[in-house]
N, C-alpha and C. Protein backbone atom coordinates (compact mmCIF):
# COMPACT_ATOMS: atom_id res chain seq x y z
N MET A 1 18.70 -2.08 -9.27
CA MET A 1 17.58 -1.18 -8.82
C MET A 1 17.30 -1.23 -7.25
N ALA A 2 17.65 -0.42 -6.58
CA ALA A 2 17.41 -0.12 -5.16
C ALA A 2 16.18 0.23 -4.50
N THR A 3 16.02 -0.47 -3.56
CA THR A 3 14.41 -0.53 -2.99
C THR A 3 14.88 -0.29 -1.84
N ILE A 4 13.75 0.65 -0.91
CA ILE A 4 13.75 1.00 0.16
C ILE A 4 12.44 1.11 0.88
N LYS A 5 12.22 -0.05 1.65
CA LYS A 5 11.00 -0.08 2.14
C LYS A 5 10.47 0.93 2.85
N VAL A 6 9.21 0.66 2.90
CA VAL A 6 8.70 1.97 3.50
C VAL A 6 7.74 1.69 4.86
N ASP A 7 7.90 2.23 5.97
CA ASP A 7 7.23 2.32 7.03
C ASP A 7 5.94 2.64 6.98
N THR A 8 4.41 2.24 7.02
CA THR A 8 3.84 2.87 6.95
C THR A 8 2.68 3.10 8.17
N SER A 9 3.19 2.53 9.32
CA SER A 9 2.95 2.81 10.74
C SER A 9 2.58 4.18 10.65
N GLY A 10 1.64 4.47 11.63
CA GLY A 10 1.25 5.97 11.86
C GLY A 10 0.77 6.76 10.86
N THR A 11 0.33 5.89 9.75
CA THR A 11 0.11 6.63 8.52
C THR A 11 -1.29 6.45 8.02
N ARG A 12 -2.27 7.53 7.69
CA ARG A 12 -3.56 7.07 6.84
C ARG A 12 -3.21 7.58 5.20
N TYR A 13 -3.95 6.44 4.55
CA TYR A 13 -3.66 6.67 3.45
C TYR A 13 -5.05 6.25 2.75
N THR A 14 -5.52 7.46 2.03
CA THR A 14 -6.74 7.39 1.07
C THR A 14 -6.76 7.32 -0.29
N VAL A 15 -7.81 6.84 -1.10
CA VAL A 15 -7.51 6.59 -1.95
C VAL A 15 -7.82 7.96 -2.78
N GLY A 16 -7.03 8.73 -3.65
CA GLY A 16 -7.33 10.08 -4.64
C GLY A 16 -7.81 9.86 -5.55
N ALA A 17 -7.46 8.48 -6.72
CA ALA A 17 -7.89 8.41 -7.75
C ALA A 17 -8.05 6.76 -7.29
N ALA A 18 -9.08 6.81 -8.51
CA ALA A 18 -9.25 5.12 -8.35
C ALA A 18 -8.18 4.18 -9.44
N PRO A 19 -7.51 3.14 -9.60
CA PRO A 19 -6.43 2.09 -9.84
C PRO A 19 -6.80 2.40 -11.68
N ARG A 20 -6.01 2.39 -12.17
CA ARG A 20 -6.09 2.52 -13.76
C ARG A 20 -4.97 1.30 -13.94
N PRO A 21 -4.82 0.81 -15.16
CA PRO A 21 -3.87 0.55 -15.75
C PRO A 21 -2.39 1.31 -16.06
N LYS A 22 -1.45 0.48 -16.17
CA LYS A 22 -0.11 1.24 -16.23
C LYS A 22 0.30 0.91 -17.38
N ASN A 23 0.41 2.00 -18.04
CA ASN A 23 0.38 1.61 -19.76
C ASN A 23 2.06 2.09 -20.02
N ASP A 24 2.52 1.56 -21.27
CA ASP A 24 3.84 1.76 -21.71
C ASP A 24 3.54 2.74 -22.75
N MET A 25 4.30 3.29 -23.17
CA MET A 25 4.74 4.83 -24.43
C MET A 25 3.66 4.49 -25.86
N ASP A 26 3.47 3.23 -25.61
CA ASP A 26 2.61 2.61 -26.85
C ASP A 26 1.25 2.63 -26.88
N GLY A 27 0.44 2.60 -25.20
CA GLY A 27 -0.58 2.23 -24.65
C GLY A 27 -0.62 1.02 -24.25
N ARG A 28 0.06 0.37 -24.71
CA ARG A 28 0.07 -1.31 -23.98
C ARG A 28 0.32 -1.41 -22.35
N GLN A 29 -0.83 -1.90 -21.56
CA GLN A 29 -0.70 -2.33 -20.37
C GLN A 29 0.71 -2.99 -20.02
N ARG A 30 1.45 -2.67 -19.23
CA ARG A 30 2.62 -3.07 -18.73
C ARG A 30 2.40 -4.19 -17.74
N THR A 31 3.13 -5.01 -17.62
CA THR A 31 3.10 -6.58 -17.18
C THR A 31 4.34 -6.34 -15.52
N ASP A 32 4.16 -7.10 -14.86
CA ASP A 32 5.60 -7.51 -14.09
C ASP A 32 6.27 -8.75 -14.46
N ARG A 33 7.22 -8.25 -14.35
CA ARG A 33 8.29 -9.46 -15.69
C ARG A 33 8.28 -10.45 -14.97
N GLN A 34 7.95 -10.72 -13.54
CA GLN A 34 8.59 -12.08 -12.83
C GLN A 34 7.35 -12.57 -12.98
N THR A 35 5.98 -12.26 -13.09
CA THR A 35 4.72 -12.98 -13.03
C THR A 35 3.87 -12.86 -14.62
N GLY A 36 3.92 -11.98 -15.17
CA GLY A 36 3.20 -11.40 -16.34
C GLY A 36 2.32 -10.89 -15.77
N THR A 37 1.54 -10.70 -14.51
CA THR A 37 0.51 -10.18 -14.10
C THR A 37 0.24 -8.40 -14.58
N PRO A 38 -0.80 -7.79 -15.07
CA PRO A 38 -1.06 -6.57 -15.40
C PRO A 38 -0.46 -5.76 -14.20
N LEU A 39 -0.27 -4.48 -14.55
CA LEU A 39 0.47 -3.84 -13.22
C LEU A 39 -0.76 -2.57 -13.21
N PHE A 40 -0.92 -2.27 -12.04
CA PHE A 40 -2.18 -1.34 -12.47
C PHE A 40 -1.64 0.59 -11.12
N THR A 41 -1.80 1.40 -11.26
CA THR A 41 -1.79 3.02 -10.62
C THR A 41 -2.51 3.14 -10.13
N THR A 42 -2.37 3.48 -8.64
CA THR A 42 -3.35 4.09 -7.58
C THR A 42 -2.91 5.31 -6.94
N GLN A 43 -3.80 6.47 -6.67
CA GLN A 43 -3.31 7.54 -6.18
C GLN A 43 -3.33 7.52 -4.91
N LEU A 44 -2.81 7.64 -4.32
CA LEU A 44 -3.50 7.42 -2.65
C LEU A 44 -2.68 8.95 -2.00
N VAL A 45 -3.54 9.56 -1.26
CA VAL A 45 -3.19 10.51 -0.26
C VAL A 45 -2.72 10.08 1.07
N LYS A 46 -1.39 10.58 1.02
CA LYS A 46 -0.73 9.69 2.41
C LYS A 46 -0.82 11.00 3.36
N VAL A 47 -0.98 11.13 4.70
CA VAL A 47 -1.31 11.47 5.81
C VAL A 47 -0.82 11.48 7.17
N ASP A 48 1.00 11.83 7.46
CA ASP A 48 1.21 11.89 8.56
C ASP A 48 1.22 12.93 9.80
N ALA A 49 2.10 13.02 10.82
CA ALA A 49 2.30 13.93 11.60
C ALA A 49 2.96 15.43 10.89
N GLU A 50 3.57 15.08 9.33
CA GLU A 50 4.14 16.23 8.65
C GLU A 50 3.70 16.83 8.16
N GLY A 51 2.56 16.10 8.04
CA GLY A 51 1.36 17.01 6.74
C GLY A 51 0.63 15.77 5.52
N ALA A 52 0.34 15.95 4.28
CA ALA A 52 -0.03 15.38 3.35
C ALA A 52 1.05 15.28 1.97
N GLU A 53 0.72 14.15 1.40
CA GLU A 53 1.43 13.92 0.13
C GLU A 53 0.62 12.90 -0.63
N ILE A 54 0.98 13.61 -2.11
CA ILE A 54 0.04 12.30 -3.24
C ILE A 54 1.16 11.52 -3.84
N LEU A 55 0.85 10.22 -3.68
CA LEU A 55 1.67 9.27 -4.19
C LEU A 55 0.79 8.32 -5.26
N THR A 56 1.63 8.21 -6.11
CA THR A 56 1.29 6.72 -7.06
C THR A 56 1.74 5.91 -6.93
N ILE A 57 0.91 4.72 -6.77
CA ILE A 57 2.05 3.47 -6.35
C ILE A 57 1.13 2.16 -7.02
N THR A 58 2.15 1.71 -7.60
CA THR A 58 2.32 0.36 -8.80
C THR A 58 1.81 -0.96 -7.90
N THR A 59 0.83 -1.53 -8.67
CA THR A 59 0.85 -2.84 -7.71
C THR A 59 0.62 -3.91 -8.86
N PRO A 60 0.72 -4.92 -8.58
CA PRO A 60 0.07 -5.84 -9.67
C PRO A 60 -1.67 -6.52 -9.61
N GLY A 61 -2.02 -6.26 -10.49
CA GLY A 61 -3.66 -6.95 -10.47
C GLY A 61 -4.09 -5.36 -9.70
N ALA A 62 -5.61 -5.23 -10.34
CA ALA A 62 -6.30 -4.08 -10.10
C ALA A 62 -6.44 -4.29 -8.06
N PRO A 63 -5.98 -2.89 -7.56
CA PRO A 63 -6.61 -2.99 -6.32
C PRO A 63 -8.31 -3.12 -6.38
N GLN A 64 -8.84 -3.83 -5.04
CA GLN A 64 -10.61 -3.28 -5.12
C GLN A 64 -11.04 -2.61 -4.33
N VAL A 65 -10.82 -1.39 -4.66
CA VAL A 65 -10.91 0.12 -3.97
C VAL A 65 -11.53 0.78 -4.72
N GLU A 66 -12.19 2.31 -3.87
CA GLU A 66 -12.57 3.18 -4.57
C GLU A 66 -12.15 4.48 -4.14
N GLN A 67 -12.29 5.36 -5.06
CA GLN A 67 -11.74 6.90 -4.49
C GLN A 67 -12.48 7.45 -3.04
N GLY A 68 -11.46 7.51 -2.06
CA GLY A 68 -12.19 8.27 -0.73
C GLY A 68 -11.80 6.96 0.02
N ALA A 69 -11.47 5.67 0.08
CA ALA A 69 -11.53 4.83 1.01
C ALA A 69 -10.17 4.67 1.37
N GLU A 70 -10.81 4.53 2.90
CA GLU A 70 -8.82 4.45 3.70
C GLU A 70 -8.64 3.03 3.57
N VAL A 71 -7.49 3.29 3.07
CA VAL A 71 -6.66 1.77 2.44
C VAL A 71 -5.17 1.69 3.30
N ARG A 72 -4.42 0.56 2.90
CA ARG A 72 -3.46 0.06 3.68
C ARG A 72 -2.43 -0.46 2.27
N PRO A 73 -1.60 0.47 1.80
CA PRO A 73 -0.61 -0.13 1.15
C PRO A 73 0.74 -1.42 1.84
N VAL A 74 0.18 -2.88 0.94
CA VAL A 74 1.25 -3.69 2.05
C VAL A 74 2.25 -3.92 1.25
N GLY A 75 3.55 -4.03 1.65
CA GLY A 75 4.94 -4.49 1.50
C GLY A 75 5.25 -3.08 0.32
N LEU A 76 5.18 -2.19 1.09
CA LEU A 76 5.26 -0.87 0.12
C LEU A 76 6.72 -0.39 0.17
N VAL A 77 7.54 -0.41 -1.06
CA VAL A 77 8.67 0.42 -1.11
C VAL A 77 8.84 1.44 -1.96
N ALA A 78 10.06 2.26 -2.05
CA ALA A 78 10.07 3.52 -2.48
C ALA A 78 11.50 2.85 -3.53
N ILE A 79 11.42 2.94 -4.96
CA ILE A 79 12.15 2.83 -5.32
C ILE A 79 12.82 4.08 -6.39
N PRO A 80 14.34 4.70 -5.93
CA PRO A 80 14.70 6.13 -6.57
C PRO A 80 15.32 5.59 -7.88
N TRP A 81 15.15 6.46 -9.10
CA TRP A 81 15.49 6.06 -10.16
C TRP A 81 16.01 7.64 -10.83
N GLN A 82 16.67 7.27 -12.17
CA GLN A 82 17.18 8.41 -12.67
C GLN A 82 17.35 7.45 -14.19
N GLN A 83 17.22 9.22 -15.09
CA GLN A 83 16.92 8.81 -16.62
C GLN A 83 17.38 10.31 -17.23
N GLY A 84 19.17 10.11 -17.54
CA GLY A 84 19.19 11.26 -17.92
C GLY A 84 19.61 12.27 -16.58
N GLN A 85 19.02 13.57 -16.90
CA GLN A 85 18.65 15.13 -16.42
C GLN A 85 17.38 14.84 -15.42
N ARG A 86 17.06 13.77 -15.46
CA ARG A 86 15.83 13.61 -14.79
C ARG A 86 15.85 12.52 -13.39
N ALA A 87 15.47 12.56 -12.34
CA ALA A 87 15.19 11.56 -11.35
C ALA A 87 13.77 11.79 -10.30
N GLY A 88 14.17 10.72 -9.89
CA GLY A 88 12.40 10.82 -8.64
C GLY A 88 12.51 9.50 -7.72
N VAL A 89 11.41 9.37 -7.49
CA VAL A 89 11.15 8.26 -6.62
C VAL A 89 10.00 7.60 -6.95
N ALA A 90 9.84 6.12 -7.33
CA ALA A 90 8.23 5.80 -7.68
C ALA A 90 7.96 4.37 -6.82
N PHE A 91 6.95 4.76 -6.52
CA PHE A 91 6.47 4.15 -5.22
C PHE A 91 5.52 2.45 -5.77
N LYS A 92 5.40 1.20 -5.40
CA LYS A 92 5.19 -0.21 -5.55
C LYS A 92 4.80 -0.62 -4.48
N ALA A 93 3.80 -1.64 -4.22
CA ALA A 93 3.43 -2.09 -3.35
C ALA A 93 3.04 -3.55 -3.94
N ASP A 94 2.86 -4.64 -2.80
CA ASP A 94 2.64 -6.07 -3.20
C ASP A 94 1.16 -5.54 -3.74
N ARG A 95 0.59 -4.93 -3.12
CA ARG A 95 -0.96 -4.86 -3.04
C ARG A 95 -1.43 -3.66 -2.45
N ILE A 96 -3.13 -2.96 -2.37
CA ILE A 96 -3.34 -2.21 -1.53
C ILE A 96 -4.46 -2.96 -1.23
N GLU A 97 -4.91 -2.42 0.21
CA GLU A 97 -6.44 -3.26 0.81
C GLU A 97 -6.95 -2.15 1.60
N PRO A 98 -8.26 -2.71 1.84
CA PRO A 98 -9.13 -1.53 2.60
C PRO A 98 -8.48 -1.62 4.15
N ALA A 99 -8.03 -0.30 4.82
CA ALA A 99 -7.65 -0.25 6.12
C ALA A 99 -8.31 -1.17 7.42
N HIS A 100 -9.70 -1.45 7.21
CA HIS A 100 -10.16 -2.13 8.35
C HIS A 100 -10.31 -3.39 7.70
N ALA A 101 -9.57 -3.95 7.17
CA ALA A 101 -9.20 -5.38 7.00
C ALA A 101 -8.29 -5.55 7.79
N GLN A 102 -7.14 -4.63 7.98
CA GLN A 102 -6.69 -4.87 9.42
C GLN A 102 -6.48 -4.58 10.82
N ALA A 103 -7.70 -3.66 10.61
CA ALA A 103 -8.52 -3.51 11.83
C ALA A 103 -8.95 -4.77 12.19
N SER A 104 -9.78 -5.82 11.50
CA SER A 104 -10.64 -6.75 12.17
C SER A 104 -9.63 -7.38 12.55
N LYS A 105 -8.03 -7.83 11.49
CA LYS A 105 -7.58 -9.11 12.11
C LYS A 105 -6.89 -8.73 13.58
N ALA A 106 -6.75 -7.45 13.93
CA ALA A 106 -6.14 -6.80 15.12
C ALA A 106 -6.99 -7.53 16.41
N SER A 107 -8.17 -6.81 15.85
CA SER A 107 -9.81 -6.97 17.00
C SER A 107 -9.87 -8.61 17.30
N TRP A 108 -9.64 -9.61 15.92
CA TRP A 108 -10.01 -11.09 16.71
C TRP A 108 -8.55 -11.88 16.79
N CYS A 109 -7.15 -10.84 17.09
CA CYS A 109 -6.40 -11.34 17.52
C CYS A 109 -6.28 -10.91 18.89
N ARG A 110 -6.61 -9.62 19.15
CA ARG A 110 -6.70 -9.08 20.78
C ARG A 110 -7.18 -10.07 21.82
N ARG A 111 -6.28 -10.22 23.03
CA ARG A 111 -6.91 -11.05 23.91
C ARG A 111 -7.55 -10.15 25.15
N ARG A 112 -8.68 -10.84 25.87
CA ARG A 112 -8.79 -10.27 26.57
C ARG A 112 -8.14 -10.85 28.35
N PRO A 113 -7.42 -9.84 28.92
CA PRO A 113 -6.73 -10.51 30.12
C PRO A 113 -7.99 -11.33 31.16
N GLU A 114 -9.14 -10.80 31.06
CA GLU A 114 -9.71 -11.02 32.55
C GLU A 114 -10.21 -12.77 32.07
N THR A 115 -10.14 -12.71 30.63
CA THR A 115 -10.66 -14.68 30.25
C THR A 115 -9.81 -15.07 29.85
N ASP A 116 -8.67 -14.71 29.45
CA ASP A 116 -7.46 -15.55 28.76
C ASP A 116 -6.79 -16.29 29.87
N PRO A 117 -6.54 -17.62 29.94
CA PRO A 117 -5.99 -18.57 30.55
C PRO A 117 -4.31 -18.07 30.70
N LEU A 118 -3.97 -17.64 29.85
CA LEU A 118 -2.57 -17.65 29.86
C LEU A 118 -1.98 -16.33 30.83
N THR A 119 -3.20 -15.48 30.64
CA THR A 119 -2.59 -14.38 31.37
C THR A 119 -3.53 -14.49 32.79
N SER A 120 -4.88 -14.86 33.27
CA SER A 120 -5.64 -14.86 34.28
C SER A 120 -4.70 -15.63 35.34
N ASP A 121 -5.07 -14.91 36.93
CA ASP A 121 -4.40 -15.69 37.84
C ASP A 121 -5.49 -16.58 38.38
N TRP A 122 -4.74 -18.09 38.49
CA TRP A 122 -5.02 -19.00 38.80
C TRP A 122 -4.95 -19.21 40.26
N ASP A 123 -4.53 -18.25 41.00
CA ASP A 123 -5.00 -18.36 42.79
C ASP A 123 -6.07 -18.42 43.09
């Protein structure tokens, strides 16, 4: 099964529907084949320069997100599939986290040139 890494930069994601268990045809919750972790699907609204699109993304474990929250899918991949005459693309991510989690990390890592000894003028 081929997977295509999805570039999420420059894209906003909002939770369209809360996470729910991913069930098989018999109603049993599916699990990750490698870890046995229960799988969940979360509907996200993707907005970029070209417009909006609704994606259903599968993750191991239930993301701790609510409808309407801005989020960031981490490790997002697209998986093309075909069964007989039907074909499509499935989306899978390592996790879905609040968008502000990335912003917090980025602001903590940012250097202020006027106070940073590596970039300030020593003369």
